[in-house]
């Protein structure tokens, strides 16, 4: 629980341009997030809402992630399958943070389109 509180403070202290997340007031293991579509892509101007659900033994086990907003990349209301989610616990590293997970998700949106 201490790590979760530290991550929240770190994110408040150093906000990122494309990501925002906070835990639910009464459930610190459930984080709602928004991702902004990267500039210069078809996703520019979009805001994508989702949930990161942390296991109680986080950071030693990976979270699951779902999206609530259509984004063209992930199914809505379904747990997504990536190396930093509970679909692939064998690849999980406790060094991952909520912020690094969010930045990795943004990287799945195209950076350059021609």
Protein backbone atom coordinates (compact mmCIF):
# COMPACT_ATOMS: atom_id res chain seq x y z
CA UNK A 1 0.00 0.00 0.00
CA UNK A 2 2.89 2.33 0.75
CA UNK A 3 4.20 1.99 -2.79
CA UNK A 4 0.80 2.86 -4.25
CA UNK A 5 0.63 6.02 -2.17
CA UNK A 6 4.18 6.94 -3.20
CA UNK A 7 3.35 6.41 -6.88
CA UNK A 8 0.30 8.64 -6.56
CA UNK A 9 2.36 11.42 -4.96
CA UNK A 10 5.07 11.05 -7.62
CA UNK A 11 2.49 11.34 -10.39
CA UNK A 12 0.98 14.45 -8.80
CA UNK A 13 4.42 16.00 -8.39
CA UNK A 14 5.56 15.21 -11.97
CA UNK A 15 2.51 15.13 -14.26
CA UNK A 16 3.00 13.74 -17.76
CA UNK A 17 1.66 15.34 -20.94
CA UNK A 18 -0.35 12.36 -22.17
CA UNK A 19 -1.36 10.51 -19.01
CA UNK A 20 -3.39 11.02 -15.86
CA UNK A 21 -4.46 8.50 -13.22
CA UNK A 22 -5.84 8.37 -9.71
CA UNK A 23 -7.07 5.58 -7.47
CA UNK A 24 -10.70 5.40 -6.45
CA UNK A 25 -11.24 7.14 -3.14
CA UNK A 26 -12.45 3.99 -1.37
CA UNK A 27 -10.35 1.43 -3.30
CA UNK A 28 -6.64 2.28 -3.70
CA UNK A 29 -6.02 -0.77 -5.91
CA UNK A 30 -8.44 0.45 -8.62
CA UNK A 31 -7.00 3.30 -10.70
CA UNK A 32 -8.94 5.14 -13.38
CA UNK A 33 -6.76 6.70 -16.03
CA UNK A 34 -6.99 8.85 -19.12
CA UNK A 35 -4.60 8.90 -22.03
CA UNK A 36 -4.46 11.76 -24.51
CA UNK A 37 -3.91 10.88 -28.14
CA UNK A 38 -0.40 11.83 -29.27
CA UNK A 39 -0.04 14.93 -31.45
CA UNK A 40 0.40 14.34 -35.15
CA UNK A 41 -1.51 11.05 -35.12
CA UNK A 42 -5.07 10.03 -35.92
CA UNK A 43 -5.54 9.86 -32.14
CA UNK A 44 -4.67 13.54 -31.56
CA UNK A 45 -7.32 15.28 -29.50
CA UNK A 46 -8.76 12.00 -28.24
CA UNK A 47 -9.11 11.18 -24.57
CA UNK A 48 -9.16 7.49 -23.71
CA UNK A 49 -10.48 6.31 -20.36
CA UNK A 50 -9.57 3.04 -18.69
CA UNK A 51 -8.94 1.15 -15.48
CA UNK A 52 -5.81 -0.38 -14.00
CA UNK A 53 -6.72 -2.95 -11.36
CA UNK A 54 -3.76 -3.73 -9.14
CA UNK A 55 -3.53 -7.06 -7.33
CA UNK A 56 -3.19 -6.88 -3.56
CA UNK A 57 0.38 -8.15 -3.84
CA UNK A 58 1.40 -5.38 -6.29
CA UNK A 59 4.18 -4.72 -7.30
CA UNK A 60 5.08 -8.40 -7.19
CA UNK A 61 2.25 -9.37 -9.53
CA UNK A 62 0.94 -7.52 -12.60
CA UNK A 63 -2.32 -5.60 -12.92
CA UNK A 64 -5.08 -6.03 -15.42
CA UNK A 65 -6.09 -3.15 -17.67
CA UNK A 66 -9.34 -2.41 -19.47
CA UNK A 67 -10.49 0.48 -21.67
CA UNK A 68 -13.89 2.14 -21.53
CA UNK A 69 -13.40 4.49 -24.50
CA UNK A 70 -13.17 3.24 -28.10
CA UNK A 71 -9.62 3.71 -29.30
CA UNK A 72 -9.05 1.42 -32.26
CA UNK A 73 -6.36 -0.51 -30.44
CA UNK A 74 -8.00 -2.49 -27.64
CA UNK A 75 -11.36 -4.18 -27.09
CA UNK A 76 -13.70 -2.28 -24.78
CA UNK A 77 -14.49 -3.68 -21.34
CA UNK A 78 -12.05 -6.59 -21.85
CA UNK A 79 -8.76 -7.24 -20.09
CA UNK A 80 -6.00 -6.35 -22.52
CA UNK A 81 -3.15 -8.72 -23.33
CA UNK A 82 0.29 -7.10 -23.03
CA UNK A 83 3.57 -8.14 -21.43
CA UNK A 84 2.96 -5.86 -18.43
CA UNK A 85 -0.52 -7.22 -17.64
CA UNK A 86 -1.79 -10.28 -15.83
CA UNK A 87 -2.05 -12.07 -19.18
CA UNK A 88 1.72 -12.52 -19.11
CA UNK A 89 2.81 -12.69 -15.47
CA UNK A 90 6.05 -14.39 -16.56
CA UNK A 91 7.19 -11.08 -18.12
CA UNK A 92 6.18 -8.83 -15.23
CA UNK A 93 8.92 -6.83 -13.50
CA UNK A 94 8.26 -5.17 -10.12
CA UNK A 95 10.11 -2.11 -11.43
CA UNK A 96 7.05 -1.26 -13.56
CA UNK A 97 5.04 1.61 -12.09
CA UNK A 98 1.58 2.88 -12.87
CA UNK A 99 3.15 5.81 -14.69
CA UNK A 100 5.44 3.59 -16.79
CA UNK A 101 2.46 1.36 -17.65
CA UNK A 102 0.50 4.40 -18.83
CA UNK A 103 3.41 5.66 -20.92
CA UNK A 104 3.75 2.21 -22.48
CA UNK A 105 0.04 2.27 -23.36
CA UNK A 106 0.46 5.65 -25.07
CA UNK A 107 3.29 4.16 -27.11
CA UNK A 108 0.79 1.77 -28.68
CA UNK A 109 -0.81 4.76 -30.37
CA UNK A 110 1.12 5.62 -33.56
CA UNK A 111 3.66 8.39 -33.18
CA UNK A 112 4.09 9.27 -36.86
CA UNK A 113 1.57 8.87 -39.65
CA UNK A 114 2.27 9.63 -43.26
